[in-house]
Structures are given as structure tokens and as C-alpha cells.
Amino acid sequence: MAGNVSKNARREGAKILTSRWGGTIKMKSVFENGKLRHVAYCEKTGNTARRPKDLL
């Protein structure tokens, strides 16, 4: 079934990731030093990482 889903739909949050601290992992975009960066963060603790996998 995953082959029929577009990459944008997969990115949007069809799967809810849970961090090792028990909070959900969300993505946000941060604009700093003239660049747009995407950052994963845990809603419960506020920890941030470059990729969601780093918070699992």
C-alpha cells in the first residue's frame, strides 16, 4: 500500500513517531543565518535533533 502514497503524504505525518521520552516527534522549519533548516523536536521534553531518527 505504501507504494501508492506520494512522498508528500508520507512526510505529512501518517505515522506518529514517539520519542524515547514518551512525547510525539514533530518537524518544524527554522530560519537562521539566511538558511531554512528543518528540525525534529519532541513535544514533551523540547529536545531537538536534525532527524526524527535521532530522537527515537
N, C-alpha and C. Protein backbone atom coordinates (compact mmCIF):
# COMPACT_ATOMS: atom_id res chain seq x y z
N MET A 1 0.82 -1.20 0.00
CA MET A 1 0.00 0.00 0.00
C MET A 1 0.86 1.25 0.00
N ALA A 2 2.03 1.19 0.61
CA ALA A 2 2.88 2.38 0.73
C ALA A 2 3.39 2.84 -0.64
N GLY A 3 3.42 1.95 -1.62
CA GLY A 3 3.88 2.34 -2.94
C GLY A 3 2.93 3.30 -3.64
N ASN A 4 1.67 3.31 -3.25
CA ASN A 4 0.68 4.17 -3.87
C ASN A 4 0.60 5.55 -3.22
N VAL A 5 1.25 5.74 -2.08
CA VAL A 5 1.18 7.00 -1.36
C VAL A 5 2.31 7.90 -1.83
N SER A 6 1.98 9.16 -2.11
CA SER A 6 3.02 10.07 -2.58
C SER A 6 3.98 10.42 -1.47
N LYS A 7 5.17 10.92 -1.83
CA LYS A 7 6.17 11.25 -0.82
C LYS A 7 5.71 12.39 0.06
N ASN A 8 4.88 13.29 -0.46
CA ASN A 8 4.38 14.40 0.36
C ASN A 8 3.40 13.90 1.41
N ALA A 9 2.59 12.93 1.07
CA ALA A 9 1.64 12.38 2.02
C ALA A 9 2.36 11.63 3.14
N ARG A 10 3.45 10.97 2.79
CA ARG A 10 4.22 10.25 3.81
C ARG A 10 4.90 11.22 4.76
N ARG A 11 5.38 12.34 4.25
CA ARG A 11 6.07 13.33 5.05
C ARG A 11 5.12 14.01 6.02
N GLU A 12 3.87 14.10 5.63
CA GLU A 12 2.91 14.92 6.37
C GLU A 12 2.61 14.39 7.77
N GLY A 13 2.80 13.12 8.04
CA GLY A 13 2.57 12.63 9.40
C GLY A 13 1.54 11.52 9.46
N ALA A 14 1.54 10.65 8.46
CA ALA A 14 0.64 9.50 8.50
C ALA A 14 1.04 8.58 9.64
N LYS A 15 2.33 8.57 9.98
CA LYS A 15 2.83 7.74 11.06
C LYS A 15 3.22 8.65 12.22
N ILE A 16 2.73 8.35 13.41
CA ILE A 16 3.07 9.16 14.58
C ILE A 16 4.29 8.53 15.25
N LEU A 17 5.39 9.26 15.29
CA LEU A 17 6.61 8.76 15.91
C LEU A 17 6.63 9.17 17.38
N THR A 18 7.10 8.26 18.23
CA THR A 18 7.19 8.53 19.66
C THR A 18 8.66 8.54 20.06
N SER A 19 9.07 9.57 20.77
CA SER A 19 10.47 9.69 21.18
C SER A 19 10.75 8.77 22.36
N ARG A 20 12.03 8.66 22.72
CA ARG A 20 12.40 7.78 23.83
C ARG A 20 11.93 8.32 25.17
N TRP A 21 11.50 9.59 25.22
CA TRP A 21 10.99 10.19 26.45
C TRP A 21 9.46 10.10 26.54
N GLY A 22 8.82 9.56 25.50
CA GLY A 22 7.39 9.35 25.54
C GLY A 22 6.57 10.41 24.84
N GLY A 23 7.19 11.47 24.33
CA GLY A 23 6.45 12.50 23.61
C GLY A 23 6.41 12.22 22.12
N THR A 24 5.55 12.91 21.40
CA THR A 24 5.49 12.72 19.96
C THR A 24 6.54 13.60 19.29
N ILE A 25 7.06 13.11 18.16
CA ILE A 25 8.09 13.83 17.42
C ILE A 25 7.41 14.60 16.30
N LYS A 26 7.67 15.90 16.24
CA LYS A 26 7.13 16.76 15.19
C LYS A 26 8.29 17.42 14.46
N MET A 27 8.02 17.89 13.25
CA MET A 27 9.02 18.60 12.45
C MET A 27 8.65 20.07 12.41
N LYS A 28 9.66 20.94 12.44
CA LYS A 28 9.42 22.36 12.25
C LYS A 28 10.56 22.94 11.43
N SER A 29 10.30 24.06 10.77
CA SER A 29 11.30 24.73 9.96
C SER A 29 11.81 25.95 10.71
N VAL A 30 13.13 26.11 10.74
CA VAL A 30 13.77 27.22 11.44
C VAL A 30 14.58 28.01 10.43
N PHE A 31 14.39 29.32 10.43
CA PHE A 31 15.13 30.19 9.52
C PHE A 31 16.20 30.91 10.33
N GLU A 32 17.47 30.55 10.08
CA GLU A 32 18.56 31.22 10.78
C GLU A 32 19.77 31.33 9.86
N ASN A 33 20.48 32.42 9.99
CA ASN A 33 21.66 32.72 9.16
C ASN A 33 21.34 32.68 7.67
N GLY A 34 20.15 33.13 7.32
CA GLY A 34 19.76 33.17 5.91
C GLY A 34 19.44 31.83 5.30
N LYS A 35 19.31 30.79 6.11
CA LYS A 35 19.01 29.45 5.60
C LYS A 35 17.79 28.88 6.31
N LEU A 36 17.03 28.08 5.57
CA LEU A 36 15.86 27.40 6.12
C LEU A 36 16.27 25.98 6.46
N ARG A 37 16.19 25.63 7.75
CA ARG A 37 16.56 24.30 8.22
C ARG A 37 15.34 23.61 8.79
N HIS A 38 15.27 22.29 8.61
CA HIS A 38 14.18 21.50 9.18
C HIS A 38 14.71 20.80 10.42
N VAL A 39 13.96 20.87 11.50
CA VAL A 39 14.40 20.33 12.78
C VAL A 39 13.29 19.45 13.35
N ALA A 40 13.68 18.31 13.89
CA ALA A 40 12.74 17.44 14.60
C ALA A 40 12.79 17.79 16.07
N TYR A 41 11.62 17.82 16.72
CA TYR A 41 11.61 18.11 18.16
C TYR A 41 10.58 17.25 18.87
N CYS A 42 10.87 16.97 20.13
CA CYS A 42 9.98 16.20 20.99
C CYS A 42 9.04 17.18 21.67
N GLU A 43 7.74 16.91 21.59
CA GLU A 43 6.76 17.83 22.19
C GLU A 43 6.80 17.79 23.72
N LYS A 44 7.16 16.66 24.30
CA LYS A 44 7.14 16.51 25.75
C LYS A 44 8.32 17.21 26.42
N THR A 45 9.55 16.96 25.91
CA THR A 45 10.74 17.50 26.56
C THR A 45 11.32 18.72 25.87
N GLY A 46 10.99 18.92 24.59
CA GLY A 46 11.53 20.05 23.85
C GLY A 46 12.90 19.78 23.26
N ASN A 47 13.39 18.54 23.34
CA ASN A 47 14.68 18.19 22.75
C ASN A 47 14.59 18.29 21.24
N THR A 48 15.67 18.77 20.60
CA THR A 48 15.68 18.91 19.15
C THR A 48 16.81 18.08 18.56
N ALA A 49 16.63 17.70 17.31
CA ALA A 49 17.64 16.96 16.56
C ALA A 49 17.46 17.26 15.09
N ARG A 50 18.46 16.90 14.30
CA ARG A 50 18.38 17.16 12.88
C ARG A 50 17.40 16.23 12.19
N ARG A 51 17.35 14.98 12.64
CA ARG A 51 16.46 13.98 12.05
C ARG A 51 15.56 13.39 13.13
N PRO A 52 14.37 12.95 12.76
CA PRO A 52 13.49 12.31 13.75
C PRO A 52 14.11 11.03 14.32
N LYS A 53 14.92 10.35 13.51
CA LYS A 53 15.53 9.08 13.95
C LYS A 53 16.45 9.30 15.16
N ASP A 54 17.03 10.49 15.28
CA ASP A 54 17.95 10.76 16.39
C ASP A 54 17.23 10.85 17.73
N LEU A 55 15.91 11.03 17.72
CA LEU A 55 15.14 11.15 18.96
C LEU A 55 14.48 9.84 19.38
N LEU A 56 14.55 8.83 18.53
CA LEU A 56 13.89 7.55 18.85
C LEU A 56 14.66 6.80 19.92
